[in-house]
Amino acid sequence: MDAVRVGFVGLGIMGKPMAGHLLKAGYPLTVFNRTRSKTDELGSQGARVASTPAEVGANADIVITMVSDSPDVQEVVAGKNGVIEGLAPGGLVIDMSTISPAVERELDRQLRERGCSLVDAPVSGGDVGAKNATLAIMAGGEKADVERATPVFQKLGKTITYCGAVGNGQLTKLCNQILVSINLLAVSEAVLFARANNLDPLTMIQAVQGGAAGSWQLANLGPRVVKRDFAPGFMIDLMQKDLRLVLQAADLTPTCLPAASLVHQLMSAAQAAGQGREGTQGLAKVLEKLSSL
């Protein structure tokens, strides 16, 4: 059994199954979540339940954070009663959220002032990947820190890629979100087109997914659109946050991203219709409404 003590902050759709894999792998695990009831299941399985992120830090050599946005990561790592207050020198924070690359660099600077360090390691694969431990992990940081984190990553994901310095994991994830969101628009349009022409969309998906048009989005979210299953594997609100980060970074370069901008606008319409907490496949509803279908 690995003696490394692991802490986990953020037990949402992704974080809870990820933390569960680490507990099952034998890591001594301490967990924290703002909604304490979400810690009950892991607590009953042997995890220590902390009352603050600082307490997580005090009982861990490596702390993983998996929360929603840049301000949330800043709060749980460097805010009042944050991880940084409890983490001993030599400690490592692995942020697996999707947030601003600049925030990751600043948190790394603050941690290094205390003899600690940070790896930014956002993931792709959604709730399915989190449950099955098949996530794609994009890691940025000092190479020695990423190597130290790798045994933990191997319990959570199937593909682990070293992307370079702190912040590069997030930049890689933002590239991922450009690809995912635009592909999802293509899937939504194809399903809409099939329905409008009285073609069985499930037959269409079966026919094309093994060819050049095949993708994770088509195989996994296309059938959900057809079956009217809009439960979130990844919420529209979170994708909008990611696309906001993409467009903010693009403004600094500057880079022209017309398709990503279009998806952001269409998902804004979904949010306005009250669909923000639905799965990203809810984008299809916006196109249906525009087509009066």
Protein backbone atom coordinates (compact mmCIF):
# COMPACT_ATOMS: atom_id res chain seq x y z
CA MET A 1 0.00 0.00 0.00
CA ASP A 2 1.28 3.44 -0.89
CA ALA A 3 1.93 5.43 2.28
CA VAL A 4 1.34 8.79 0.58
CA ARG A 5 -1.53 10.60 2.27
CA VAL A 6 -3.98 12.16 -0.17
CA GLY A 7 -6.52 14.92 0.38
CA PHE A 8 -9.46 15.65 -1.92
CA VAL A 9 -11.42 18.92 -2.00
CA GLY A 10 -14.59 19.00 -4.11
CA LEU A 11 -16.90 15.98 -4.34
CA GLY A 12 -19.18 16.89 -7.21
CA ILE A 13 -20.16 14.90 -10.30
CA MET A 14 -16.50 14.32 -11.14
CA GLY A 15 -14.75 14.60 -7.80
CA LYS A 16 -16.71 12.03 -5.83
CA PRO A 17 -15.97 9.02 -8.05
CA MET A 18 -12.36 10.17 -8.47
CA ALA A 19 -11.87 10.30 -4.71
CA GLY A 20 -13.53 6.90 -4.44
CA HIS A 21 -10.93 5.36 -6.76
CA LEU A 22 -8.12 6.67 -4.56
CA LEU A 23 -9.74 5.28 -1.43
CA LYS A 24 -10.20 1.88 -3.06
CA ALA A 25 -6.57 1.97 -4.16
CA GLY A 26 -5.53 2.12 -0.51
CA TYR A 27 -4.50 5.74 -0.15
CA PRO A 28 -5.16 7.24 3.31
CA LEU A 29 -7.77 9.79 2.20
CA THR A 30 -9.06 13.01 3.78
CA VAL A 31 -11.96 14.77 2.05
CA PHE A 32 -13.75 18.11 2.21
CA ASN A 33 -16.81 19.44 0.46
CA ARG A 34 -18.75 22.64 1.12
CA THR A 35 -21.98 20.62 1.19
CA ARG A 36 -20.96 18.22 3.94
CA SER A 37 -23.58 15.59 3.09
CA LYS A 38 -21.63 14.79 -0.08
CA THR A 39 -18.84 13.42 2.12
CA ASP A 40 -21.08 10.87 3.86
CA GLU A 41 -20.56 7.95 1.48
CA LEU A 42 -16.77 8.26 1.41
CA GLY A 43 -16.72 8.82 5.16
CA SER A 44 -18.64 5.58 5.69
CA GLN A 45 -16.06 3.79 3.51
CA GLY A 46 -13.13 4.94 5.62
CA ALA A 47 -12.18 8.40 4.43
CA ARG A 48 -11.47 11.05 7.04
CA VAL A 49 -13.93 13.95 6.71
CA ALA A 50 -12.37 17.38 7.31
CA SER A 51 -14.20 20.52 8.39
CA THR A 52 -11.98 22.88 6.34
CA PRO A 53 -9.58 22.67 3.39
CA ALA A 54 -6.79 23.61 5.85
CA GLU A 55 -7.54 20.42 7.78
CA VAL A 56 -7.25 18.48 4.53
CA GLY A 57 -3.85 20.04 3.95
CA ALA A 58 -2.70 19.20 7.46
CA ASN A 59 -3.50 15.52 6.90
CA ALA A 60 -2.14 15.07 3.39
CA ASP A 61 1.09 15.01 1.42
CA ILE A 62 -0.79 15.56 -1.84
CA VAL A 63 -4.06 17.51 -2.07
CA ILE A 64 -6.30 17.31 -5.12
CA THR A 65 -8.81 20.09 -5.79
CA MET A 66 -11.76 19.56 -8.13
CA VAL A 67 -14.09 22.56 -7.97
CA SER A 68 -15.99 24.74 -10.41
CA ASP A 69 -14.12 27.93 -11.28
CA SER A 70 -11.05 30.08 -10.68
CA PRO A 71 -12.43 31.91 -7.60
CA ASP A 72 -13.37 28.56 -6.02
CA VAL A 73 -9.85 27.19 -6.46
CA GLN A 74 -8.36 30.40 -5.09
CA GLU A 75 -10.64 30.17 -2.04
CA VAL A 76 -10.02 26.52 -1.18
CA VAL A 77 -6.27 26.70 -1.77
CA ALA A 78 -5.21 30.18 -0.64
CA GLY A 79 -8.26 31.69 1.08
CA LYS A 80 -9.12 31.73 4.78
CA ASN A 81 -8.77 28.16 6.13
CA GLY A 82 -7.43 27.16 2.72
CA VAL A 83 -5.25 24.14 1.97
CA ILE A 84 -2.13 26.33 2.05
CA GLU A 85 -2.65 27.00 5.77
CA GLY A 86 -2.38 23.33 6.68
CA LEU A 87 0.00 21.92 4.08
CA ALA A 88 3.51 21.20 5.36
CA PRO A 89 6.63 22.15 3.36
CA GLY A 90 7.11 19.65 0.57
CA GLY A 91 3.39 19.33 0.04
CA LEU A 92 1.90 19.19 -3.44
CA VAL A 93 -1.41 20.60 -4.65
CA ILE A 94 -2.87 19.03 -7.79
CA ASP A 95 -5.64 21.17 -9.22
CA MET A 96 -7.80 19.07 -11.54
CA SER A 97 -10.43 21.76 -12.04
CA THR A 98 -10.63 23.73 -15.30
CA ILE A 99 -9.67 27.33 -14.53
CA SER A 100 -7.53 30.25 -15.64
CA PRO A 101 -3.89 29.40 -16.44
CA ALA A 102 -2.84 32.70 -14.84
CA VAL A 103 -4.53 31.73 -11.55
CA GLU A 104 -2.65 28.43 -11.52
CA ARG A 105 0.66 30.25 -11.94
CA GLU A 106 -0.16 32.64 -9.09
CA LEU A 107 -1.19 29.81 -6.75
CA ASP A 108 2.03 27.99 -7.59
CA ARG A 109 3.98 31.13 -6.66
CA GLN A 110 2.19 31.37 -3.31
CA LEU A 111 2.72 27.69 -2.57
CA ARG A 112 6.42 27.88 -3.42
CA GLU A 113 6.84 30.69 -0.90
CA ARG A 114 5.87 28.05 1.70
CA GLY A 115 8.04 25.30 0.30
CA CYS A 116 5.20 23.59 -1.56
CA SER A 117 4.26 23.39 -5.24
CA LEU A 118 1.39 22.95 -7.68
CA VAL A 119 0.55 20.83 -10.68
CA ASP A 120 -2.39 21.90 -12.83
CA ALA A 121 -3.98 18.76 -14.24
CA PRO A 122 -7.42 19.35 -15.76
CA VAL A 123 -9.20 16.32 -17.18
CA SER A 124 -11.43 15.28 -20.03
CA GLY A 125 -13.84 12.36 -20.20
CA GLY A 126 -16.84 13.62 -18.25
CA ASP A 127 -18.68 11.73 -15.56
CA VAL A 128 -18.23 8.46 -17.48
CA GLY A 129 -14.46 8.87 -17.46
CA ALA A 130 -14.48 9.80 -13.77
CA LYS A 131 -16.55 6.75 -12.84
CA ASN A 132 -14.50 4.36 -14.97
CA ALA A 133 -11.07 5.88 -14.15
CA THR A 134 -10.46 6.46 -17.87
CA LEU A 135 -9.95 10.24 -17.78
CA ALA A 136 -7.51 12.03 -20.05
CA ILE A 137 -5.23 14.05 -17.76
CA MET A 138 -3.29 17.09 -19.00
CA ALA A 139 -0.57 18.02 -16.52
CA GLY A 140 1.47 21.20 -16.20
CA GLY A 141 4.22 21.87 -13.66
CA GLU A 142 7.79 21.03 -12.77
CA LYS A 143 8.55 17.63 -14.26
CA ALA A 144 9.56 16.20 -10.87
CA ASP A 145 6.22 17.28 -9.40
CA VAL A 146 4.29 15.69 -12.27
CA GLU A 147 6.29 12.48 -11.84
CA ARG A 148 5.44 12.53 -8.13
CA ALA A 149 1.76 12.92 -9.02
CA THR A 150 1.75 10.21 -11.69
CA PRO A 151 0.96 7.23 -9.40
CA VAL A 152 -2.15 9.11 -8.26
CA PHE A 153 -3.05 10.00 -11.84
CA GLN A 154 -2.80 6.33 -12.82
CA LYS A 155 -5.68 5.53 -10.45
CA LEU A 156 -7.86 8.17 -12.11
CA GLY A 157 -7.11 8.17 -15.81
CA LYS A 158 -6.04 6.24 -18.84
CA THR A 159 -4.08 8.92 -20.68
CA ILE A 160 -1.59 11.13 -18.82
CA THR A 161 0.22 13.79 -20.81
CA TYR A 162 2.95 16.12 -19.55
CA CYS A 163 2.24 19.49 -21.15
CA GLY A 164 5.07 21.64 -19.76
CA ALA A 165 5.16 24.43 -17.20
CA VAL A 166 2.42 25.31 -14.70
CA GLY A 167 -0.57 26.64 -16.63
CA ASN A 168 0.06 24.54 -19.71
CA GLY A 169 -2.29 21.84 -18.47
CA GLN A 170 -5.08 24.42 -18.45
CA LEU A 171 -4.13 25.76 -21.88
CA THR A 172 -4.29 22.21 -23.24
CA LYS A 173 -7.69 21.68 -21.61
CA LEU A 174 -8.98 24.88 -23.21
CA CYS A 175 -7.92 23.49 -26.60
CA ASN A 176 -9.89 20.37 -25.64
CA GLN A 177 -12.96 22.46 -24.87
CA ILE A 178 -12.76 24.24 -28.22
CA LEU A 179 -12.78 20.84 -29.92
CA VAL A 180 -15.51 19.40 -27.70
CA SER A 181 -17.91 22.34 -27.95
CA ILE A 182 -17.65 22.79 -31.71
CA ASN A 183 -17.98 19.05 -32.27
CA LEU A 184 -21.07 19.04 -30.08
CA LEU A 185 -22.59 21.72 -32.30
CA ALA A 186 -21.93 19.49 -35.32
CA VAL A 187 -23.57 16.53 -33.55
CA SER A 188 -26.61 18.65 -32.67
CA GLU A 189 -26.95 19.87 -36.24
CA ALA A 190 -26.66 16.35 -37.68
CA VAL A 191 -29.33 14.97 -35.34
CA LEU A 192 -31.60 17.93 -36.12
CA PHE A 193 -31.09 17.47 -39.87
CA ALA A 194 -31.90 13.76 -39.63
CA ARG A 195 -35.11 14.40 -37.68
CA ALA A 196 -36.23 17.16 -40.04
CA ASN A 197 -35.85 14.77 -42.97
CA ASN A 198 -37.64 11.84 -41.31
CA LEU A 199 -34.42 9.86 -40.97
CA ASP A 200 -34.08 7.82 -37.79
CA PRO A 201 -31.28 9.71 -35.98
CA LEU A 202 -30.12 6.62 -34.07
CA THR A 203 -29.70 4.78 -37.38
CA MET A 204 -27.77 7.76 -38.70
CA ILE A 205 -25.45 7.73 -35.69
CA GLN A 206 -24.88 3.99 -36.03
CA ALA A 207 -24.06 4.42 -39.71
CA VAL A 208 -21.53 7.25 -39.39
CA GLN A 209 -19.85 6.82 -36.02
CA GLY A 210 -17.44 4.18 -37.31
CA GLY A 211 -16.21 6.41 -40.14
CA ALA A 212 -14.48 9.76 -40.48
CA ALA A 213 -17.33 11.56 -38.71
CA GLY A 214 -17.06 9.44 -35.57
CA SER A 215 -16.30 11.10 -32.23
CA TRP A 216 -16.82 10.74 -28.48
CA GLN A 217 -19.46 13.46 -28.62
CA LEU A 218 -21.40 11.67 -31.36
CA ALA A 219 -21.23 8.23 -29.76
CA ASN A 220 -22.04 9.36 -26.23
CA LEU A 221 -24.15 12.51 -26.48
CA GLY A 222 -25.84 12.00 -29.84
CA PRO A 223 -28.04 9.14 -28.54
CA ARG A 224 -28.86 11.16 -25.41
CA VAL A 225 -30.20 13.99 -27.58
CA VAL A 226 -32.34 11.53 -29.53
CA LYS A 227 -33.67 9.91 -26.34
CA ARG A 228 -34.27 13.34 -24.72
CA ASP A 229 -31.84 12.57 -21.92
CA PHE A 230 -30.43 15.91 -20.83
CA ALA A 231 -29.06 14.82 -17.45
CA PRO A 232 -25.65 16.39 -16.88
CA GLY A 233 -22.44 14.52 -17.40
CA PHE A 234 -21.02 18.01 -17.86
CA MET A 235 -23.30 21.01 -17.37
CA ILE A 236 -23.93 23.82 -19.82
CA ASP A 237 -23.05 26.30 -17.06
CA LEU A 238 -19.61 24.71 -16.71
CA MET A 239 -18.98 24.59 -20.44
CA GLN A 240 -19.89 28.26 -20.60
CA LYS A 241 -17.31 28.96 -17.90
CA ASP A 242 -14.72 27.06 -19.94
CA LEU A 243 -15.61 28.88 -23.16
CA ARG A 244 -15.36 32.18 -21.30
CA LEU A 245 -11.82 31.21 -20.31
CA VAL A 246 -11.08 30.27 -23.93
CA LEU A 247 -12.33 33.59 -25.27
CA GLN A 248 -10.55 35.60 -22.57
CA ALA A 249 -7.27 33.87 -23.43
CA ALA A 250 -7.93 34.40 -27.14
CA ASP A 251 -8.33 38.14 -26.56
CA LEU A 252 -4.84 38.28 -25.06
CA THR A 253 -3.14 36.64 -28.03
CA PRO A 254 -5.20 37.79 -30.07
CA THR A 255 -6.73 34.76 -31.78
CA CYS A 256 -9.85 34.59 -33.96
CA LEU A 257 -12.17 31.80 -32.77
CA PRO A 258 -15.49 32.32 -34.60
CA ALA A 259 -16.90 28.81 -34.08
CA ALA A 260 -16.16 28.75 -30.35
CA SER A 261 -17.74 32.19 -30.07
CA LEU A 262 -20.88 30.92 -31.83
CA VAL A 263 -21.23 27.95 -29.48
CA HIS A 264 -20.81 30.32 -26.53
CA GLN A 265 -23.66 32.48 -27.83
CA LEU A 266 -25.93 29.49 -28.48
CA MET A 267 -25.28 28.13 -25.00
CA SER A 268 -26.09 31.58 -23.61
CA ALA A 269 -29.54 31.09 -25.16
CA ALA A 270 -29.79 27.72 -23.40
CA GLN A 271 -28.92 29.39 -20.09
CA ALA A 272 -31.53 32.08 -20.72
CA ALA A 273 -34.08 29.30 -21.22
CA GLY A 274 -33.23 27.86 -17.81
CA GLN A 275 -31.13 24.96 -19.10
CA GLY A 276 -27.81 25.91 -17.50
CA ARG A 277 -27.69 22.90 -15.19
CA GLU A 278 -28.58 20.44 -17.93
CA GLY A 279 -25.96 18.44 -19.80
CA THR A 280 -24.13 20.14 -22.64
CA GLN A 281 -26.19 18.05 -25.08
CA GLY A 282 -28.97 20.54 -24.24
CA LEU A 283 -27.36 22.70 -26.94
CA ALA A 284 -29.52 20.68 -29.35
CA LYS A 285 -32.67 22.25 -27.86
CA VAL A 286 -31.51 25.70 -28.95
CA LEU A 287 -31.20 24.56 -32.56
CA GLU A 288 -34.58 22.82 -32.36
CA LYS A 289 -36.19 26.03 -31.17
CA LEU A 290 -34.54 28.06 -33.94
CA SER A 291 -35.89 25.50 -36.41
CA SER A 292 -39.37 25.36 -34.81
CA LEU A 293 -38.94 21.61 -34.53
